Amino acid sequence: MSVWKGIRFFIGKLPSFTNIGFQLRQFKWHEPRLDFAGQTWVVTGASEGIGAAIARTAALAGATVIVVARSADKMNALQADVTTSLAKGEGLTAKAKSLGKIVPAICDLSDLQAISELADNLKRKLLIDVLMNNVGILNNEHKKSPDGFEMSYAVNLLGQHLLSERLLADGLFNRGGLIVNMASGGLYNQPLNTALLDQEAEGFDGLMAYAAHKRAQIALGDYWRRHGAAAELFAYTMHPGWVRTSGVEASLPAFNKVLKPLLRTADQAADTALWLAQKRPPTRDNVVWFDRKQRSPYLFDDTRTPHVTTLELLARLDSDLASAGITPPDFAQNKT
């Protein structure tokens, strides 16, 4: 990305993507209290940040929330916090005290075998109403996943593809189920492509890899919605704006330092995901949801023309699963 393009992006989206934009838009929102009583959710990357905010609010609204992450300590702390709040009667629904809960599930979401085992465990236990593909990382240095892929590719896209398609192929969604992909404003910087998904160490560009992963999430969400229509599946891709999280602080320290007073809170970032789960609004292909509205996923002309088709993206993902010894799930086996 050129310096000028980056400056345009930063200045152009400064008010909108920060908490300024959220607070201004919030004045127009008049929605009933969230109610997810009796639902079962799976939220990845939910030990802290946006994922924890989503999980906590969904549980307080009566959902059983399976939180998936590596840190048992952080997930247990979230579970204790929610349990205490519900015991005090701080739930958002009348049934929340008896129904809402957090269920920790330890899983390294960069490890394809661990994800397969997670899907196996879920298959034995429940039907799912909501899957929040929230986990995401931006690496400034090249690292390898347990299966030999670039780490951010394994976490941001390949692992999400495997988990989502396993749950779909195994019929684990209730009718009217929902998938929400947590993307990022970074997606505006790349067209749909496979060239930057799994980069080698030489010339590694973590920002552009992250952008390519997040752009690809839109294509996957649209594909799942089309092929899940018979089961009334809903699928959306959203971005949360610029958020104050430990991940942003570690990956973009200068950005975090300059904008920290203006960055959104985790609860603000979680708002659209929770609203989508409540409302299930109609949607179109190739849009990104931001602050409760579907918006164009393009800001720059050079990202409008995809370099690959969705089927080519899927073929690449399935090929990478196969190379790691994982049988690609047969959801929508005749891919169109």
Protein backbone atom coordinates (compact mmCIF):
# COMPACT_ATOMS: atom_id res chain seq x y z
CA MET A 1 0.00 0.00 0.00
CA SER A 2 1.41 3.40 -0.98
CA VAL A 3 2.06 6.06 1.64
CA TRP A 4 -0.47 8.38 0.02
CA LYS A 5 -3.11 5.64 -0.08
CA GLY A 6 -2.50 4.92 3.60
CA ILE A 7 -2.82 8.59 4.54
CA ARG A 8 -6.08 8.88 2.60
CA PHE A 9 -7.44 5.80 4.32
CA PHE A 10 -6.41 6.96 7.78
CA ILE A 11 -7.71 10.52 7.48
CA GLY A 12 -10.85 9.57 5.56
CA LYS A 13 -12.00 7.02 8.13
CA LEU A 14 -10.72 8.68 11.31
CA PRO A 15 -14.11 9.95 12.58
CA SER A 16 -16.20 7.04 11.28
CA PHE A 17 -14.14 4.09 12.49
CA THR A 18 -13.42 5.49 15.96
CA ASN A 19 -15.79 5.83 18.92
CA ILE A 20 -16.84 9.23 17.52
CA GLY A 21 -18.64 7.53 14.65
CA PHE A 22 -20.16 4.93 16.93
CA GLN A 23 -21.54 7.46 19.38
CA LEU A 24 -23.00 9.65 16.64
CA ARG A 25 -24.78 6.72 14.99
CA GLN A 26 -25.95 5.31 18.30
CA PHE A 27 -28.40 8.18 18.76
CA LYS A 28 -30.49 6.75 15.90
CA TRP A 29 -30.71 3.22 17.30
CA HIS A 30 -33.85 2.27 19.17
CA GLU A 31 -33.84 -1.48 19.62
CA PRO A 32 -35.46 -3.79 22.19
CA ARG A 33 -33.31 -5.45 24.82
CA LEU A 34 -31.28 -8.39 23.50
CA ASP A 35 -32.86 -11.79 24.06
CA PHE A 36 -30.97 -15.00 23.21
CA ALA A 37 -32.67 -17.18 25.81
CA GLY A 38 -32.14 -20.88 25.11
CA GLN A 39 -29.74 -20.37 22.20
CA THR A 40 -26.34 -22.05 21.87
CA TRP A 41 -23.44 -19.96 20.62
CA VAL A 42 -19.84 -20.72 19.69
CA VAL A 43 -17.48 -17.74 19.85
CA THR A 44 -13.85 -18.13 18.81
CA GLY A 45 -11.05 -16.02 20.23
CA ALA A 46 -13.29 -15.22 23.16
CA SER A 47 -10.83 -15.09 26.05
CA GLU A 48 -10.58 -11.30 25.85
CA GLY A 49 -11.37 -8.27 23.69
CA ILE A 50 -14.26 -8.29 21.22
CA GLY A 51 -14.88 -12.02 21.54
CA ALA A 52 -15.21 -11.85 25.31
CA ALA A 53 -17.57 -8.86 24.99
CA ILE A 54 -19.77 -10.80 22.55
CA ALA A 55 -19.76 -13.90 24.73
CA ARG A 56 -20.50 -12.03 27.94
CA THR A 57 -23.46 -10.11 26.49
CA ALA A 58 -24.92 -13.17 24.78
CA ALA A 59 -24.76 -15.14 28.04
CA LEU A 60 -26.36 -12.29 29.97
CA ALA A 61 -29.11 -12.42 27.34
CA GLY A 62 -29.73 -16.08 28.10
CA ALA A 63 -27.47 -17.98 25.70
CA THR A 64 -25.21 -20.90 26.44
CA VAL A 65 -21.94 -19.65 25.01
CA ILE A 66 -19.08 -21.99 24.19
CA VAL A 67 -15.99 -19.80 24.24
CA VAL A 68 -13.04 -21.12 22.25
CA ALA A 69 -9.48 -19.97 22.92
CA ARG A 70 -6.10 -21.14 24.23
CA SER A 71 -6.08 -19.48 27.64
CA ALA A 72 -7.94 -21.50 30.26
CA ASP A 73 -7.29 -18.84 32.89
CA LYS A 74 -8.87 -16.04 30.86
CA MET A 75 -11.87 -18.14 29.87
CA ASN A 76 -12.39 -19.26 33.46
CA ALA A 77 -12.26 -15.63 34.59
CA LEU A 78 -14.91 -14.73 32.01
CA GLN A 79 -17.04 -17.65 33.15
CA ALA A 80 -16.78 -16.56 36.79
CA ASP A 81 -17.62 -12.96 35.92
CA VAL A 82 -20.75 -13.95 33.99
CA THR A 83 -21.85 -16.43 36.66
CA THR A 84 -21.54 -13.75 39.33
CA SER A 85 -23.47 -11.20 37.25
CA LEU A 86 -26.29 -13.64 36.59
CA ALA A 87 -26.47 -14.60 40.24
CA LYS A 88 -26.92 -10.91 41.07
CA GLY A 89 -29.83 -10.70 38.64
CA GLU A 90 -27.92 -8.64 36.08
CA GLY A 91 -29.14 -10.69 33.11
CA LEU A 92 -30.84 -8.99 30.18
CA THR A 93 -33.81 -11.38 30.11
CA ALA A 94 -36.02 -12.98 32.72
CA LYS A 95 -34.67 -16.43 31.80
CA ALA A 96 -31.01 -15.43 31.69
CA LYS A 97 -30.29 -16.46 35.29
CA SER A 98 -31.30 -20.05 34.63
CA LEU A 99 -30.18 -20.37 31.00
CA GLY A 100 -27.22 -18.09 30.41
CA LYS A 101 -23.75 -19.52 30.90
CA ILE A 102 -20.19 -19.61 29.63
CA VAL A 103 -18.64 -22.96 28.68
CA PRO A 104 -14.85 -22.81 28.09
CA ALA A 105 -13.38 -24.93 25.29
CA ILE A 106 -9.59 -24.93 25.07
CA CYS A 107 -8.37 -25.02 21.46
CA ASP A 108 -5.36 -23.69 19.58
CA LEU A 109 -7.12 -22.10 16.59
CA SER A 110 -3.93 -22.22 14.52
CA ASP A 111 -3.83 -26.02 14.77
CA LEU A 112 -6.02 -27.79 12.19
CA GLN A 113 -6.07 -31.08 14.08
CA ALA A 114 -7.16 -29.29 17.25
CA ILE A 115 -9.96 -27.60 15.29
CA SER A 116 -11.06 -30.98 13.91
CA GLU A 117 -11.17 -32.38 17.45
CA LEU A 118 -13.20 -29.35 18.59
CA ALA A 119 -15.71 -30.01 15.80
CA ASP A 120 -15.89 -33.68 16.80
CA ASN A 121 -16.61 -32.70 20.42
CA LEU A 122 -19.29 -30.22 19.37
CA LYS A 123 -20.89 -32.85 17.14
CA ARG A 124 -21.41 -35.14 20.11
CA LYS A 125 -23.06 -32.54 22.30
CA LEU A 126 -25.32 -29.96 20.70
CA LEU A 127 -26.93 -28.01 17.91
CA ILE A 128 -25.70 -24.47 17.34
CA ASP A 129 -27.68 -21.29 16.77
CA VAL A 130 -24.79 -18.86 16.30
CA LEU A 131 -21.14 -19.21 15.27
CA MET A 132 -19.03 -16.09 15.74
CA ASN A 133 -15.79 -16.44 13.75
CA ASN A 134 -14.16 -13.75 15.86
CA VAL A 135 -10.57 -14.91 16.26
CA GLY A 136 -7.99 -12.95 14.28
CA ILE A 137 -4.33 -11.95 14.46
CA LEU A 138 -2.05 -9.53 12.65
CA ASN A 139 1.60 -10.58 12.71
CA ASN A 140 4.45 -8.24 11.92
CA GLU A 141 6.91 -11.14 11.79
CA HIS A 142 6.60 -14.39 9.88
CA LYS A 143 5.67 -17.37 12.05
CA LYS A 144 4.63 -20.90 11.20
CA SER A 145 1.53 -22.71 12.46
CA PRO A 146 1.74 -26.31 13.75
CA ASP A 147 0.79 -27.46 10.24
CA GLY A 148 3.46 -25.37 8.52
CA PHE A 149 1.30 -22.51 7.24
CA GLU A 150 1.94 -18.84 7.93
CA MET A 151 0.38 -18.33 11.35
CA SER A 152 -2.07 -15.52 10.58
CA TYR A 153 -3.38 -17.39 7.53
CA ALA A 154 -3.98 -20.48 9.64
CA VAL A 155 -5.87 -18.49 12.30
CA ASN A 156 -7.67 -15.86 10.24
CA LEU A 157 -8.90 -17.95 7.34
CA LEU A 158 -7.90 -21.60 6.95
CA GLY A 159 -8.95 -22.61 10.47
CA GLN A 160 -12.19 -20.63 10.23
CA HIS A 161 -12.97 -22.31 6.92
CA LEU A 162 -12.39 -25.74 8.46
CA LEU A 163 -14.46 -25.11 11.59
CA SER A 164 -17.37 -23.49 9.76
CA GLU A 165 -17.57 -26.11 7.02
CA ARG A 166 -17.25 -28.96 9.51
CA LEU A 167 -20.19 -27.62 11.52
CA LEU A 168 -22.19 -27.09 8.33
CA ALA A 169 -21.31 -30.48 6.83
CA ASP A 170 -22.17 -32.25 10.09
CA GLY A 171 -25.57 -30.54 10.25
CA LEU A 172 -24.83 -28.88 13.58
CA PHE A 173 -26.74 -25.65 12.96
CA ASN A 174 -30.35 -25.29 13.98
CA ARG A 175 -32.65 -24.11 11.22
CA GLY A 176 -32.19 -20.37 10.89
CA GLY A 177 -28.65 -20.63 12.25
CA LEU A 178 -26.16 -17.81 11.91
CA ILE A 179 -22.49 -17.35 11.05
CA VAL A 180 -20.83 -13.97 11.62
CA ASN A 181 -17.30 -13.40 10.32
CA MET A 182 -15.42 -10.70 12.23
CA ALA A 183 -13.41 -8.91 9.55
CA SER A 184 -11.59 -5.57 9.75
CA GLY A 185 -11.37 -2.25 7.98
CA GLY A 186 -8.02 -3.57 6.78
CA LEU A 187 -9.88 -5.55 4.10
CA TYR A 188 -10.29 -2.37 2.04
CA ASN A 189 -6.61 -2.57 1.10
CA GLN A 190 -6.71 -5.77 -0.96
CA PRO A 191 -8.84 -7.33 -3.69
CA LEU A 192 -9.91 -10.94 -3.37
CA ASN A 193 -6.74 -12.94 -4.02
CA THR A 194 -4.87 -16.06 -2.98
CA ALA A 195 -1.33 -14.80 -3.63
CA LEU A 196 -1.02 -13.09 -0.24
CA LEU A 197 -2.85 -15.63 1.90
CA ASP A 198 0.04 -17.88 2.93
CA GLN A 199 3.21 -15.88 2.45
CA GLU A 200 6.78 -17.07 2.81
CA ALA A 201 9.19 -15.43 5.25
CA GLU A 202 11.07 -13.52 2.56
CA GLY A 203 9.15 -10.34 1.77
CA PHE A 204 6.45 -11.09 4.33
CA ASP A 205 3.91 -8.26 4.70
CA GLY A 206 1.68 -8.91 7.69
CA LEU A 207 -0.65 -5.99 7.01
CA MET A 208 -1.39 -7.09 3.45
CA ALA A 209 -1.75 -10.72 4.52
CA TYR A 210 -4.29 -9.63 7.11
CA ALA A 211 -6.13 -7.56 4.50
CA ALA A 212 -6.29 -10.51 2.10
CA HIS A 213 -7.61 -12.82 4.82
CA LYS A 214 -10.31 -10.36 5.82
CA ARG A 215 -11.37 -9.74 2.21
CA ALA A 216 -11.70 -13.49 1.70
CA GLN A 217 -14.07 -13.74 4.67
CA ILE A 218 -16.71 -11.85 2.68
CA ALA A 219 -16.56 -14.40 -0.14
CA LEU A 220 -16.81 -17.31 2.30
CA GLY A 221 -19.76 -15.81 4.14
CA ASP A 222 -21.65 -15.27 0.90
CA TYR A 223 -20.90 -18.82 -0.22
CA TRP A 224 -22.10 -20.35 3.06
CA ARG A 225 -25.31 -18.33 2.95
CA ARG A 226 -26.09 -19.36 -0.63
CA HIS A 227 -25.47 -23.05 0.01
CA GLY A 228 -27.18 -23.01 3.40
CA ALA A 229 -30.39 -21.48 2.05
CA ALA A 230 -32.35 -24.73 2.42
CA ALA A 231 -31.66 -24.63 6.17
CA GLU A 232 -32.40 -20.88 6.27
CA LEU A 233 -28.78 -20.18 7.22
CA PHE A 234 -27.80 -16.55 7.77
CA ALA A 235 -24.19 -15.46 7.20
CA TYR A 236 -22.70 -11.99 7.47
CA THR A 237 -19.25 -10.45 7.43
CA MET A 238 -18.78 -7.34 9.53
CA HIS A 239 -16.01 -5.09 10.72
CA PRO A 240 -15.96 -3.47 14.14
CA GLY A 241 -14.13 -0.22 13.45
CA TRP A 242 -10.86 0.69 15.15
CA VAL A 243 -10.86 -0.95 18.57
CA ARG A 244 -8.77 -0.76 21.73
CA THR A 245 -7.54 -4.33 22.24
CA SER A 246 -4.34 -6.03 23.34
CA GLY A 247 -3.95 -7.34 19.78
CA VAL A 248 -3.99 -3.85 18.29
CA GLU A 249 -1.56 -2.65 20.95
CA ALA A 250 0.88 -5.46 20.13
CA SER A 251 0.55 -5.42 16.33
CA LEU A 252 0.11 -1.70 15.67
CA PRO A 253 1.81 0.06 18.62
CA ALA A 254 2.20 3.45 16.93
CA PHE A 255 -1.41 3.43 15.70
CA ASN A 256 -2.59 2.43 19.18
CA LYS A 257 -0.52 5.11 20.91
CA VAL A 258 -1.75 7.95 18.68
CA LEU A 259 -5.42 6.96 18.59
CA LYS A 260 -5.91 5.25 21.94
CA PRO A 261 -8.29 7.92 23.36
CA LEU A 262 -10.48 7.59 20.25
CA LEU A 263 -10.47 3.83 19.76
CA ARG A 264 -13.69 1.94 20.32
CA THR A 265 -14.29 -0.20 23.37
CA ALA A 266 -14.75 -3.94 23.00
CA ASP A 267 -18.46 -3.55 23.78
CA GLN A 268 -18.85 -0.95 21.03
CA ALA A 269 -17.01 -3.23 18.64
CA ALA A 270 -19.28 -6.14 19.57
CA ASP A 271 -22.49 -4.18 18.97
CA THR A 272 -23.07 -4.99 15.30
CA ALA A 273 -22.37 -8.71 15.80
CA LEU A 274 -24.97 -8.87 18.57
CA TRP A 275 -27.43 -6.77 16.57
CA LEU A 276 -27.07 -9.10 13.57
CA ALA A 277 -27.76 -12.07 15.84
CA GLN A 278 -30.91 -10.39 17.14
CA LYS A 279 -32.29 -8.99 13.88
CA ARG A 280 -31.06 -11.37 11.12
CA PRO A 281 -31.60 -8.65 8.48
CA PRO A 282 -31.77 -9.37 4.74
CA THR A 283 -28.47 -8.89 2.98
CA ARG A 284 -26.77 -8.89 -0.42
CA ASP A 285 -23.65 -10.58 -1.67
CA ASN A 286 -20.35 -8.73 -1.42
CA VAL A 287 -21.11 -6.28 1.36
CA VAL A 288 -19.53 -5.67 4.74
CA TRP A 289 -21.67 -4.78 7.74
CA PHE A 290 -20.49 -1.87 9.84
CA ASP A 291 -22.42 -0.08 12.59
CA ARG A 292 -25.65 -1.95 11.79
CA LYS A 293 -25.67 -1.21 8.05
CA GLN A 294 -24.45 -3.07 5.00
CA ARG A 295 -21.84 -1.05 3.18
CA SER A 296 -19.62 -1.29 0.15
CA PRO A 297 -16.44 -3.30 0.77
CA TYR A 298 -14.47 -0.99 -1.52
CA LEU A 299 -12.69 2.29 -0.95
CA PHE A 300 -10.03 2.03 -3.67
CA ASP A 301 -10.53 1.30 -7.37
CA ASP A 302 -7.63 -1.15 -7.52
CA THR A 303 -9.37 -3.53 -5.10
CA ARG A 304 -12.68 -3.80 -6.95
CA THR A 305 -11.66 -6.46 -9.47
CA PRO A 306 -11.06 -9.84 -7.81
CA HIS A 307 -7.92 -11.71 -8.79
CA VAL A 308 -9.61 -15.07 -8.16
CA THR A 309 -13.15 -16.39 -8.03
CA THR A 310 -14.79 -17.67 -4.87
CA LEU A 311 -14.48 -21.21 -6.24
CA GLU A 312 -10.76 -20.73 -6.76
CA LEU A 313 -10.46 -19.46 -3.18
CA LEU A 314 -12.34 -22.50 -1.89
CA ALA A 315 -10.19 -24.84 -3.97
CA ARG A 316 -7.06 -23.29 -2.47
CA LEU A 317 -8.37 -23.65 1.08
CA ASP A 318 -9.43 -27.27 0.54
CA SER A 319 -6.09 -28.06 -1.08
CA ASP A 320 -4.26 -26.66 1.93
CA LEU A 321 -6.41 -28.71 4.30
CA ALA A 322 -5.65 -31.84 2.30
CA SER A 323 -1.93 -31.10 2.32
CA ALA A 324 -2.10 -31.02 6.13
CA GLY A 325 -3.81 -34.42 6.23
CA ILE A 326 -7.28 -33.01 6.88
CA THR A 327 -10.12 -34.26 4.68
CA PRO A 328 -11.96 -31.17 3.40
CA PRO A 329 -15.55 -31.15 4.69
CA ASP A 330 -18.11 -32.10 2.03
CA PHE A 331 -20.49 -29.21 2.73
CA ALA A 332 -21.89 -28.26 -0.70
CA GLN A 333 -19.59 -30.82 -2.30
CA ASN A 334 -20.58 -29.71 -5.78
CA LYS A 335 -19.20 -26.21 -5.25
CA THR A 336 -20.81 -23.56 -7.42
